[in-house]
C-alpha atoms as a PDB file:
ATOM      1  CA  MET A   1     179.975  80.889  66.659  1.00  0.00           C
ATOM      2  CA  ARG A   2     180.192  82.429  70.493  1.00  0.00           C
ATOM      3  CA  ALA A   3     176.710  83.025  70.123  1.00  0.00           C
ATOM      4  CA  ALA A   4     175.762  79.435  69.303  1.00  0.00           C
ATOM      5  CA  VAL A   5     177.833  78.289  71.665  1.00  0.00           C
ATOM      6  CA  LEU A   6     176.292  80.109  74.589  1.00  0.00           C
ATOM      7  CA  ARG A   7     172.982  79.123  73.529  1.00  0.00           C
ATOM      8  CA  CYS A   8     174.184  75.252  73.272  1.00  0.00           C
ATOM      9  CA  ALA A   9     175.085  75.947  77.050  1.00  0.00           C
ATOM     10  CA  LEU A  10     171.999  77.453  78.237  1.00  0.00           C
ATOM     11  CA  ALA A  11     169.835  74.848  76.722  1.00  0.00           C
ATOM     12  CA  LEU A  12     172.420  72.314  78.319  1.00  0.00           C
ATOM     13  CA  ALA A  13     171.665  74.283  81.661  1.00  0.00           C
ATOM     14  CA  LEU A  14     167.778  74.168  81.321  1.00  0.00           C
ATOM     15  CA  LEU A  15     167.893  70.498  80.455  1.00  0.00           C
ATOM     16  CA  THR A  16     169.624  70.224  83.838  1.00  0.00           C
ATOM     17  CA  SER A  17     167.550  72.377  85.905  1.00  0.00           C
ATOM     18  CA  VAL A  18     163.996  70.304  84.393  1.00  0.00           C
ATOM     19  CA  ALA A  19     165.875  67.131  86.136  1.00  0.00           C
ATOM     20  CA  ALA A  20     166.507  68.790  89.418  1.00  0.00           C
ATOM     21  CA  ALA A  21     163.689  70.253  89.729  1.00  0.00           C
ATOM     22  CA  GLU A  22     160.749  68.954  91.588  1.00  0.00           C
ATOM     23  CA  GLU A  23     157.295  69.244  90.170  1.00  0.00           C
ATOM     24  CA  SER A  24     154.014  68.851  91.701  1.00  0.00           C
ATOM     25  CA  ALA A  25     150.311  69.506  89.908  1.00  0.00           C
ATOM     26  CA  ILE A  26     147.873  70.949  92.596  1.00  0.00           C
ATOM     27  CA  ARG A  27     144.481  72.264  92.519  1.00  0.00           C
ATOM     28  CA  VAL A  28     143.417  75.521  93.985  1.00  0.00           C
ATOM     29  CA  GLY A  29     139.770  76.101  94.336  1.00  0.00           C
ATOM     30  CA  VAL A  30     139.169  75.804  90.114  1.00  0.00           C
ATOM     31  CA  LEU A  31     142.374  76.646  88.942  1.00  0.00           C
ATOM     32  CA  ASP A  32     145.115  73.953  88.061  1.00  0.00           C
ATOM     33  CA  ALA A  33     148.584  74.686  88.686  1.00  0.00           C
ATOM     34  CA  VAL A  34     152.143  73.275  88.960  1.00  0.00           C
ATOM     35  CA  LEU A  35     154.325  74.061  91.908  1.00  0.00           C
ATOM     36  CA  THR A  36     158.149  73.536  91.253  1.00  0.00           C
ATOM     37  CA  THR A  37     160.620  73.604  93.916  1.00  0.00           C
ATOM     38  CA  PRO A  38     164.440  73.574  94.053  1.00  0.00           C
ATOM     39  CA  PRO A  39     166.042  70.106  95.412  1.00  0.00           C
ATOM     40  CA  GLY A  40     167.898  70.714  98.564  1.00  0.00           C
ATOM     41  CA  VAL A  41     166.299  73.968  99.986  1.00  0.00           C
ATOM     42  CA  GLU A  42     163.815  73.724 102.955  1.00  0.00           C
ATOM     43  CA  ARG A  43     162.215  76.853 102.674  1.00  0.00           C
ATOM     44  CA  PRO A  44     162.835  78.867  99.698  1.00  0.00           C
ATOM     45  CA  PRO A  45     161.158  81.824  98.399  1.00  0.00           C
ATOM     46  CA  VAL A  46     158.547  81.324  95.840  1.00  0.00           C
ATOM     47  CA  ALA A  47     157.003  83.410  92.602  1.00  0.00           C
ATOM     48  CA  LEU A  48     153.587  83.272  91.587  1.00  0.00           C
ATOM     49  CA  LEU A  49     154.017  83.331  87.279  1.00  0.00           C
ATOM     50  CA  ILE A  50     151.205  85.122  85.881  1.00  0.00           C
ATOM     51  CA  ALA A  51     150.624  85.109  82.205  1.00  0.00           C
ATOM     52  CA  GLY A  52     149.467  87.327  79.665  1.00  0.00           C
ATOM     53  CA  SER A  53     146.636  87.641  77.475  1.00  0.00           C
ATOM     54  CA  GLY A  54     144.875  85.133  75.762  1.00  0.00           C
ATOM     55  CA  SER A  55     144.119  81.507  77.089  1.00  0.00           C
ATOM     56  CA  THR A  56     147.316  81.555  78.240  1.00  0.00           C
ATOM     57  CA  ASP A  57     148.042  77.909  79.926  1.00  0.00           C
ATOM     58  CA  ARG A  58     150.593  77.252  83.029  1.00  0.00           C
ATOM     59  CA  ASP A  59     153.261  77.042  80.651  1.00  0.00           C
ATOM     60  CA  GLY A  60     152.769  80.360  78.790  1.00  0.00           C
ATOM     61  CA  ASN A  61     151.193  78.466  75.929  1.00  0.00           C
ATOM     62  CA  GLY A  62     148.243  79.700  74.110  1.00  0.00           C
ATOM     63  CA  PRO A  63     146.356  77.854  71.200  1.00  0.00           C
ATOM     64  CA  GLN A  64     148.481  79.437  68.307  1.00  0.00           C
ATOM     65  CA  LEU A  65     151.772  80.347  69.856  1.00  0.00           C
ATOM     66  CA  LYS A  66     153.534  77.848  72.324  1.00  0.00           C
ATOM     67  CA  PRO A  67     156.991  79.856  73.333  1.00  0.00           C
ATOM     68  CA  SER A  68     157.036  77.993  76.801  1.00  0.00           C
ATOM     69  CA  THR A  69     158.072  81.142  78.740  1.00  0.00           C
ATOM     70  CA  LEU A  70     156.380  80.362  82.094  1.00  0.00           C
ATOM     71  CA  LYS A  71     157.450  77.237  82.051  1.00  0.00           C
ATOM     72  CA  LYS A  72     161.183  77.927  81.111  1.00  0.00           C
ATOM     73  CA  LEU A  73     161.231  80.404  83.444  1.00  0.00           C
ATOM     74  CA  ALA A  74     160.328  78.085  86.539  1.00  0.00           C
ATOM     75  CA  GLU A  75     162.679  75.652  85.782  1.00  0.00           C
ATOM     76  CA  GLN A  76     165.586  78.387  85.081  1.00  0.00           C
ATOM     77  CA  LEU A  77     164.022  80.043  88.728  1.00  0.00           C
ATOM     78  CA  ALA A  78     163.992  76.181  90.068  1.00  0.00           C
ATOM     79  CA  ALA A  79     168.253  75.869  88.932  1.00  0.00           C
ATOM     80  CA  ARG A  80     168.704  79.439  91.201  1.00  0.00           C
ATOM     81  CA  GLY A  81     167.215  78.265  94.193  1.00  0.00           C
ATOM     82  CA  VAL A  82     163.544  79.872  93.727  1.00  0.00           C
ATOM     83  CA  ALA A  83     160.177  77.953  94.114  1.00  0.00           C
ATOM     84  CA  SER A  84     157.521  79.016  91.402  1.00  0.00           C
ATOM     85  CA  LEU A  85     153.899  78.244  91.060  1.00  0.00           C
ATOM     86  CA  ARG A  86     152.114  78.467  87.810  1.00  0.00           C
ATOM     87  CA  TYR A  87     148.798  77.911  86.653  1.00  0.00           C
ATOM     88  CA  ASP A  88     146.129  77.588  84.152  1.00  0.00           C
ATOM     89  CA  LYS A  89     144.474  80.977  83.295  1.00  0.00           C
ATOM     90  CA  ARG A  90     140.538  80.719  82.963  1.00  0.00           C
ATOM     91  CA  GLY A  91     139.638  79.534  79.653  1.00  0.00           C
ATOM     92  CA  ALA A  92     143.300  77.861  79.131  1.00  0.00           C
ATOM     93  CA  ARG A  93     142.349  74.183  77.934  1.00  0.00           C
ATOM     94  CA  GLY A  94     138.923  74.729  77.388  1.00  0.00           C
ATOM     95  CA  TRP A  95     136.253  76.704  79.333  1.00  0.00           C
ATOM     96  CA  LYS A  96     135.219  74.781  82.832  1.00  0.00           C
ATOM     97  CA  ALA A  97     131.522  74.900  83.982  1.00  0.00           C
ATOM     98  CA  GLU A  98     133.581  75.871  87.456  1.00  0.00           C
ATOM     99  CA  PHE A  99     134.330  79.155  85.838  1.00  0.00           C
ATOM    100  CA  GLY A 100     130.350  80.539  85.107  1.00  0.00           C
ATOM    101  CA  LYS A 101     128.906  81.704  81.941  1.00  0.00           C
ATOM    102  CA  PRO A 102     131.921  82.781  79.284  1.00  0.00           C
ATOM    103  CA  GLU A 103     130.019  86.173  79.150  1.00  0.00           C
ATOM    104  CA  ASP A 104     129.918  86.910  83.122  1.00  0.00           C
ATOM    105  CA  PHE A 105     133.888  87.210  83.134  1.00  0.00           C
ATOM    106  CA  ARG A 106     134.949  90.388  84.371  1.00  0.00           C
ATOM    107  CA  PHE A 107     139.004  91.392  84.721  1.00  0.00           C
ATOM    108  CA  LYS A 108     138.651  90.934  88.453  1.00  0.00           C
ATOM    109  CA  ASP A 109     138.373  87.218  88.226  1.00  0.00           C
ATOM    110  CA  TYR A 110     142.050  86.873  87.458  1.00  0.00           C
ATOM    111  CA  VAL A 111     142.559  89.602  90.282  1.00  0.00           C
ATOM    112  CA  ASP A 112     140.665  86.562  92.569  1.00  0.00           C
ATOM    113  CA  ASP A 113     142.364  83.979  91.341  1.00  0.00           C
ATOM    114  CA  SER A 114     145.975  84.913  91.732  1.00  0.00           C
ATOM    115  CA  THR A 115     145.347  86.514  95.563  1.00  0.00           C
ATOM    116  CA  ALA A 116     143.580  82.757  96.295  1.00  0.00           C
ATOM    117  CA  LEU A 117     146.952  81.451  94.904  1.00  0.00           C
ATOM    118  CA  VAL A 118     148.920  84.009  97.222  1.00  0.00           C
ATOM    119  CA  ASP A 119     147.051  83.001  99.879  1.00  0.00           C
ATOM    120  CA  PHE A 120     147.522  79.064  99.247  1.00  0.00           C
ATOM    121  CA  LEU A 121     151.689  79.814  99.216  1.00  0.00           C
ATOM    122  CA  ARG A 122     151.170  82.026 102.209  1.00  0.00           C
ATOM    123  CA  GLY A 123     153.338  80.458 105.233  1.00  0.00           C
ATOM    124  CA  LYS A 124     155.095  77.468 102.820  1.00  0.00           C
ATOM    125  CA  PHE A 125     157.671  79.868 101.670  1.00  0.00           C
ATOM    126  CA  ALA A 126     160.745  82.136 102.962  1.00  0.00           C
ATOM    127  CA  ARG A 127     158.689  85.005 101.060  1.00  0.00           C
ATOM    128  CA  ILE A 128     156.292  85.385  98.301  1.00  0.00           C
ATOM    129  CA  ALA A 129     157.009  87.344  94.775  1.00  0.00           C
ATOM    130  CA  VAL A 130     154.092  87.935  92.188  1.00  0.00           C
ATOM    131  CA  VAL A 131     155.686  88.097  88.448  1.00  0.00           C
ATOM    132  CA  GLY A 132     153.478  89.277  85.959  1.00  0.00           C
ATOM    133  CA  HIS A 133     154.465  88.791  82.197  1.00  0.00           C
ATOM    134  CA  SER A 134     152.820  91.407  79.595  1.00  0.00           C
ATOM    135  CA  GLU A 135     148.917  91.583  80.575  1.00  0.00           C
ATOM    136  CA  GLY A 136     150.163  89.570  83.864  1.00  0.00           C
ATOM    137  CA  GLY A 137     152.265  92.596  85.074  1.00  0.00           C
ATOM    138  CA  LEU A 138     148.616  94.223  85.484  1.00  0.00           C
ATOM    139  CA  VAL A 139     147.129  91.316  87.385  1.00  0.00           C
ATOM    140  CA  ALA A 140     150.521  91.403  89.256  1.00  0.00           C
ATOM    141  CA  ILE A 141     149.828  95.163  90.105  1.00  0.00           C
ATOM    142  CA  LEU A 142     146.867  94.826  91.317  1.00  0.00           C
ATOM    143  CA  THR A 143     146.916  91.656  93.171  1.00  0.00           C
ATOM    144  CA  ALA A 144     149.925  93.178  95.128  1.00  0.00           C
ATOM    145  CA  ARG A 145     147.328  96.261  95.933  1.00  0.00           C
ATOM    146  CA  ARG A 146     144.748  93.408  97.529  1.00  0.00           C
ATOM    147  CA  THR A 147     146.970  90.921  99.333  1.00  0.00           C
ATOM    148  CA  PRO A 148     150.266  91.067 101.272  1.00  0.00           C
ATOM    149  CA  VAL A 149     153.200  89.980  98.998  1.00  0.00           C
ATOM    150  CA  ASP A 150     156.630  90.544  99.621  1.00  0.00           C
ATOM    151  CA  ARG A 151     158.377  91.252  96.139  1.00  0.00           C
ATOM    152  CA  LEU A 152     156.829  92.451  92.759  1.00  0.00           C
ATOM    153  CA  VAL A 153     158.276  91.753  89.024  1.00  0.00           C
ATOM    154  CA  LEU A 154     156.976  93.051  85.729  1.00  0.00           C
ATOM    155  CA  LEU A 155     158.170  91.529  82.762  1.00  0.00           C
ATOM    156  CA  ALA A 156     157.499  92.995  79.545  1.00  0.00           C
ATOM    157  CA  ALA A 157     154.237  95.012  81.190  1.00  0.00           C
ATOM    158  CA  SER A 158     152.636  98.420  79.677  1.00  0.00           C
ATOM    159  CA  ALA A 159     151.837 100.767  81.677  1.00  0.00           C
ATOM    160  CA  ARG A 160     148.635 101.903  79.262  1.00  0.00           C
ATOM    161  CA  ARG A 161     145.398 100.742  79.670  1.00  0.00           C
ATOM    162  CA  GLN A 162     144.886  97.047  77.594  1.00  0.00           C
ATOM    163  CA  GLY A 163     142.633  99.166  75.005  1.00  0.00           C
ATOM    164  CA  ASP A 164     145.180 102.065  74.502  1.00  0.00           C
ATOM    165  CA  LEU A 165     147.596  99.562  74.140  1.00  0.00           C
ATOM    166  CA  LEU A 166     145.558  97.300  71.225  1.00  0.00           C
ATOM    167  CA  LYS A 167     144.746 100.732  69.304  1.00  0.00           C
ATOM    168  CA  ALA A 168     148.410 101.698  69.186  1.00  0.00           C
ATOM    169  CA  GLN A 169     149.388  98.082  67.924  1.00  0.00           C
ATOM    170  CA  LEU A 170     146.521  97.744  65.381  1.00  0.00           C
ATOM    171  CA  GLU A 171     147.369 101.140  64.137  1.00  0.00           C
ATOM    172  CA  LYS A 172     150.897  99.700  62.999  1.00  0.00           C
ATOM    173  CA  LYS A 173     148.886  97.050  60.874  1.00  0.00           C
ATOM    174  CA  LEU A 174     146.176  98.476  59.491  1.00  0.00           C
ATOM    175  CA  PRO A 175     145.369 101.286  56.782  1.00  0.00           C
ATOM    176  CA  ALA A 176     143.978 104.452  58.592  1.00  0.00           C
ATOM    177  CA  THR A 177     140.642 103.944  56.585  1.00  0.00           C
ATOM    178  CA  LYS A 178     139.950 100.557  58.612  1.00  0.00           C
ATOM    179  CA  MET A 179     141.922 101.940  62.018  1.00  0.00           C
ATOM    180  CA  GLU A 180     139.078 104.469  62.412  1.00  0.00           C
ATOM    181  CA  PRO A 181     136.346 102.681  63.186  1.00  0.00           C
ATOM    182  CA  VAL A 182     138.418 100.146  65.202  1.00  0.00           C
ATOM    183  CA  ALA A 183     140.032 102.866  67.347  1.00  0.00           C
ATOM    184  CA  LYS A 184     135.847 104.513  67.895  1.00  0.00           C
ATOM    185  CA  ALA A 185     134.979 100.713  68.584  1.00  0.00           C
ATOM    186  CA  ILE A 186     137.657 100.027  71.345  1.00  0.00           C
ATOM    187  CA  ASP A 187     136.930 103.591  73.001  1.00  0.00           C
ATOM    188  CA  ALA A 188     132.951 102.583  73.277  1.00  0.00           C
ATOM    189  CA  ILE A 189     133.884  99.548  74.532  1.00  0.00           C
ATOM    190  CA  MET A 190     136.405 100.813  77.141  1.00  0.00           C
ATOM    191  CA  ALA A 191     133.400 103.385  77.720  1.00  0.00           C
ATOM    192  CA  GLY A 192     131.282 100.678  78.859  1.00  0.00           C
ATOM    193  CA  GLN A 193     128.816 100.820  75.405  1.00  0.00           C
ATOM    194  CA  VAL A 194     128.024  97.486  73.241  1.00  0.00           C
ATOM    195  CA  VAL A 195     129.341  97.914  69.474  1.00  0.00           C
ATOM    196  CA  ASP A 196     127.052  95.913  67.677  1.00  0.00           C
ATOM    197  CA  PRO A 197     127.924  94.741  65.218  1.00  0.00           C
ATOM    198  CA  PRO A 198     131.691  95.510  65.935  1.00  0.00           C
ATOM    199  CA  PRO A 199     134.205  96.390  62.673  1.00  0.00           C
ATOM    200  CA  PRO A 200     135.373  93.013  60.713  1.00  0.00           C
ATOM    201  CA  GLU A 201     138.697  94.159  62.354  1.00  0.00           C
ATOM    202  CA  LEU A 202     138.131  93.552  65.580  1.00  0.00           C
ATOM    203  CA  PRO A 203     135.835  90.310  65.838  1.00  0.00           C
ATOM    204  CA  ILE A 204     134.380  90.879  69.839  1.00  0.00           C
ATOM    205  CA  ASP A 205     131.021  89.189  70.164  1.00  0.00           C
ATOM    206  CA  PRO A 206     128.748  91.857  71.313  1.00  0.00           C
ATOM    207  CA  VAL A 207     128.229  89.407  74.539  1.00  0.00           C
ATOM    208  CA  MET A 208     131.520  89.230  75.550  1.00  0.00           C
ATOM    209  CA  GLN A 209     132.269  92.879  75.276  1.00  0.00           C
ATOM    210  CA  PRO A 210     131.719  93.891  78.936  1.00  0.00           C
ATOM    211  CA  GLY A 211     134.112  91.469  79.967  1.00  0.00           C
ATOM    212  CA  ILE A 212     136.563  92.844  77.198  1.00  0.00           C
ATOM    213  CA  ALA A 213     135.651  96.053  78.472  1.00  0.00           C
ATOM    214  CA  SER A 214     136.728  95.334  81.935  1.00  0.00           C
ATOM    215  CA  ALA A 215     140.346  94.527  80.804  1.00  0.00           C
ATOM    216  CA  PHE A 216     140.462  97.215  78.520  1.00  0.00           C
ATOM    217  CA  ALA A 217     139.787 100.091  81.247  1.00  0.00           C
ATOM    218  CA  GLU A 218     142.201  99.111  83.937  1.00  0.00           C
ATOM    219  CA  ASP A 219     144.793 101.780  84.764  1.00  0.00           C
ATOM    220  CA  PRO A 220     148.252  99.882  86.070  1.00  0.00           C
ATOM    221  CA  ILE A 221     149.735 103.508  86.790  1.00  0.00           C
ATOM    222  CA  ASP A 222     147.462 104.630  89.616  1.00  0.00           C
ATOM    223  CA  PRO A 223     147.560 101.032  91.936  1.00  0.00           C
ATOM    224  CA  LEU A 224     151.404 100.631  90.962  1.00  0.00           C
ATOM    225  CA  LYS A 225     152.037 104.112  92.643  1.00  0.00           C
ATOM    226  CA  GLN A 226     150.667 102.448  95.986  1.00  0.00           C
ATOM    227  CA  ILE A 227     152.676  99.726  96.101  1.00  0.00           C
ATOM    228  CA  THR A 228     155.777 100.159  98.464  1.00  0.00           C
ATOM    229  CA  ILE A 229     157.129  96.588  98.516  1.00  0.00           C
ATOM    230  CA  PRO A 230     160.309  96.446  96.007  1.00  0.00           C
ATOM    231  CA  ILE A 231     159.597  95.880  92.373  1.00  0.00           C
ATOM    232  CA  LEU A 232     161.513  94.573  89.601  1.00  0.00           C
ATOM    233  CA  ILE A 233     160.645  96.086  86.154  1.00  0.00           C
ATOM    234  CA  VAL A 234     162.023  93.987  83.299  1.00  0.00           C
ATOM    235  CA  ALA A 235     161.751  95.283  79.485  1.00  0.00           C
ATOM    236  CA  GLY A 236     163.262  94.331  76.002  1.00  0.00           C
ATOM    237  CA  ALA A 237     164.399  96.306  73.226  1.00  0.00           C
ATOM    238  CA  ARG A 238     163.307  94.004  70.868  1.00  0.00           C
ATOM    239  CA  ASP A 239     159.656  93.625  72.078  1.00  0.00           C
ATOM    240  CA  GLN A 240     157.500  94.639  69.430  1.00  0.00           C
ATOM    241  CA  GLN A 241     153.937  94.560  71.735  1.00  0.00           C
ATOM    242  CA  VAL A 242     155.492  96.788  74.682  1.00  0.00           C
ATOM    243  CA  ALA A 243     157.344  99.510  73.827  1.00  0.00           C
ATOM    244  CA  ARG A 244     160.317 101.441  76.020  1.00  0.00           C
ATOM    245  CA  LEU A 245     157.931 104.019  76.997  1.00  0.00           C
ATOM    246  CA  ASP A 246     155.651 101.902  79.096  1.00  0.00           C
ATOM    247  CA  MET A 247     158.893 100.939  81.057  1.00  0.00           C
ATOM    248  CA  VAL A 248     159.503 104.759  81.721  1.00  0.00           C
ATOM    249  CA  ALA A 249     156.125 105.335  82.612  1.00  0.00           C
ATOM    250  CA  LEU A 250     156.087 102.245  85.174  1.00  0.00           C
ATOM    251  CA  ALA A 251     159.167 103.563  86.467  1.00  0.00           C
ATOM    252  CA  ALA A 252     157.920 106.978  87.014  1.00  0.00           C
ATOM    253  CA  ALA A 253     155.069 105.536  88.893  1.00  0.00           C
ATOM    254  CA  ALA A 254     157.521 103.579  91.212  1.00  0.00           C
ATOM    255  CA  PRO A 255     160.646 105.684  91.472  1.00  0.00           C
ATOM    256  CA  ALA A 256     161.978 103.306  93.920  1.00  0.00           C
ATOM    257  CA  ALA A 257     161.981 100.454  92.187  1.00  0.00           C
ATOM    258  CA  LYS A 258     164.628  98.494  89.966  1.00  0.00           C
ATOM    259  CA  THR A 259     164.572  98.378  86.659  1.00  0.00           C
ATOM    260  CA  LEU A 260     166.162  96.339  83.710  1.00  0.00           C
ATOM    261  CA  TRP A 261     166.553  97.161  79.800  1.00  0.00           C
ATOM    262  CA  LEU A 262     167.710  94.143  77.999  1.00  0.00           C
ATOM    263  CA  PRO A 263     168.646  95.425  74.444  1.00  0.00           C
ATOM    264  CA  GLU A 264     168.345  91.788  72.536  1.00  0.00           C
ATOM    265  CA  MET A 265     165.160  90.690  74.538  1.00  0.00           C
ATOM    266  CA  ASN A 266     161.660  90.511  72.811  1.00  0.00           C
ATOM    267  CA  HIS A 267     158.188  89.990  74.104  1.00  0.00           C
ATOM    268  CA  VAL A 268     158.613  86.263  75.333  1.00  0.00           C
ATOM    269  CA  LEU A 269     161.718  86.982  77.073  1.00  0.00           C
ATOM    270  CA  VAL A 270     164.236  85.283  74.472  1.00  0.00           C
ATOM    271  CA  ASP A 271     167.162  86.974  72.761  1.00  0.00           C
ATOM    272  CA  VAL A 272     166.678  87.545  68.981  1.00  0.00           C
ATOM    273  CA  ALA A 273     168.668  89.051  66.642  1.00  0.00           C
ATOM    274  CA  ASN A 274     166.424  89.926  63.761  1.00  0.00           C
ATOM    275  CA  GLU A 275     162.752  90.048  62.858  1.00  0.00           C
ATOM    276  CA  ASP A 276     162.753  86.465  61.181  1.00  0.00           C
ATOM    277  CA  GLU A 277     164.285  85.121  64.665  1.00  0.00           C
ATOM    278  CA  ASN A 278     161.547  87.554  66.649  1.00  0.00           C
ATOM    279  CA  LEU A 279     158.375  85.755  65.023  1.00  0.00           C
ATOM    280  CA  SER A 280     160.100  81.889  65.125  1.00  0.00           C
ATOM    281  CA  SER A 281     160.723  82.605  68.928  1.00  0.00           C
ATOM    282  CA  TYR A 282     156.702  82.526  69.765  1.00  0.00           C
ATOM    283  CA  ASN A 283     157.018  78.906  68.806  1.00  0.00           C
ATOM    284  CA  ASP A 284     159.776  77.749  69.887  1.00  0.00           C
ATOM    285  CA  PRO A 285     159.839  76.052  73.640  1.00  0.00           C
ATOM    286  CA  ASP A 286     163.072  75.212  73.558  1.00  0.00           C
ATOM    287  CA  ARG A 287     165.022  78.764  72.748  1.00  0.00           C
ATOM    288  CA  PRO A 288     166.560  79.857  76.341  1.00  0.00           C
ATOM    289  CA  LEU A 289     165.215  82.931  77.939  1.00  0.00           C
ATOM    290  CA  ASP A 290     167.622  85.960  78.276  1.00  0.00           C
ATOM    291  CA  PRO A 291     169.760  84.731  81.034  1.00  0.00           C
ATOM    292  CA  ASP A 292     170.558  88.229  82.380  1.00  0.00           C
ATOM    293  CA  MET A 293     166.591  88.590  82.631  1.00  0.00           C
ATOM    294  CA  VAL A 294     166.455  85.401  84.514  1.00  0.00           C
ATOM    295  CA  ASP A 295     169.493  86.026  86.590  1.00  0.00           C
ATOM    296  CA  ALA A 296     168.088  89.268  87.740  1.00  0.00           C
ATOM    297  CA  VAL A 297     164.686  88.057  88.637  1.00  0.00           C
ATOM    298  CA  ALA A 298     165.932  85.318  90.752  1.00  0.00           C
ATOM    299  CA  ALA A 299     168.513  87.628  92.593  1.00  0.00           C
ATOM    300  CA  PHE A 300     165.710  90.034  93.282  1.00  0.00           C
ATOM    301  CA  ILE A 301     163.173  87.111  94.815  1.00  0.00           C
ATOM    302  CA  ALA A 302     165.837  85.613  96.849  1.00  0.00           C
ATOM    303  CA  ALA A 303     167.736  88.750  98.375  1.00  0.00           C
ATOM    304  CA  PRO A 304     167.393  89.864 101.628  1.00  0.00           C
ATOM    305  CA  GLY A 305     165.576  92.811 103.008  1.00  0.00           C
ATOM    306  CA  PRO A 306     162.177  94.377 104.131  1.00  0.00           C
ATOM    307  CA  ARG A 307     159.380  92.259 103.627  1.00  0.00           C
END
């Protein structure tokens, strides 16, 4: 009963924040974005929200999964006096001609995009934080290395190269006989080779593999070690995609970082009690985000201190 009451209260707070927040659709270069600002705050801090893997849009939704993770986060940050900018990744809502040919995409293009958005925000707000969710954590790390920002927040981010993470995830799902050729194919792609034909369980078009390789091979640890701004690392025990060892490794690479481990939070940043709730949460845009996570992120971004 208490959990149900809490969930209703959080949902009511979410609806209240939707009404209070001011949203503006903007375009920065080739990117469509939404700027959410808290009313009555003349010069708030701002968070650039960077989505996870796949064709993920400004709200944190993809073609099949629609948890609205980033939309809810933007609304809840605004309710706590923090502005945010969230945007459609390349490929979300369709591939635009302005992006060039899909086969020419490289992971650095994501970093180019986030860097351009930071430059757009510069000078307009009290401070700038880059907040990366899942794969967006890697983009956030590389962005913080490329251009000056004031805070870095990693939410359910991996410490491993994406190719290695994908192997670990697939090992849980595939029998050994099918996993062996998949692992070899991932290793080959990470090494810059083209696998043609790829295994049926890894249907990556050969023409797209160089772009995939540029993502698979990026290591978050070395660039993270070189970042000196304040860092917050948040992860949850119910996350079935990223393990606690990832949080431990990220924290080891950034020993001055603040960390928050949440026992009920899953990969889409909501609290779940079991696997059924975990699965359904990926298509539940009304399920509230973990309140401790939101409070920690908002307080970290808004806190005074070294820029």
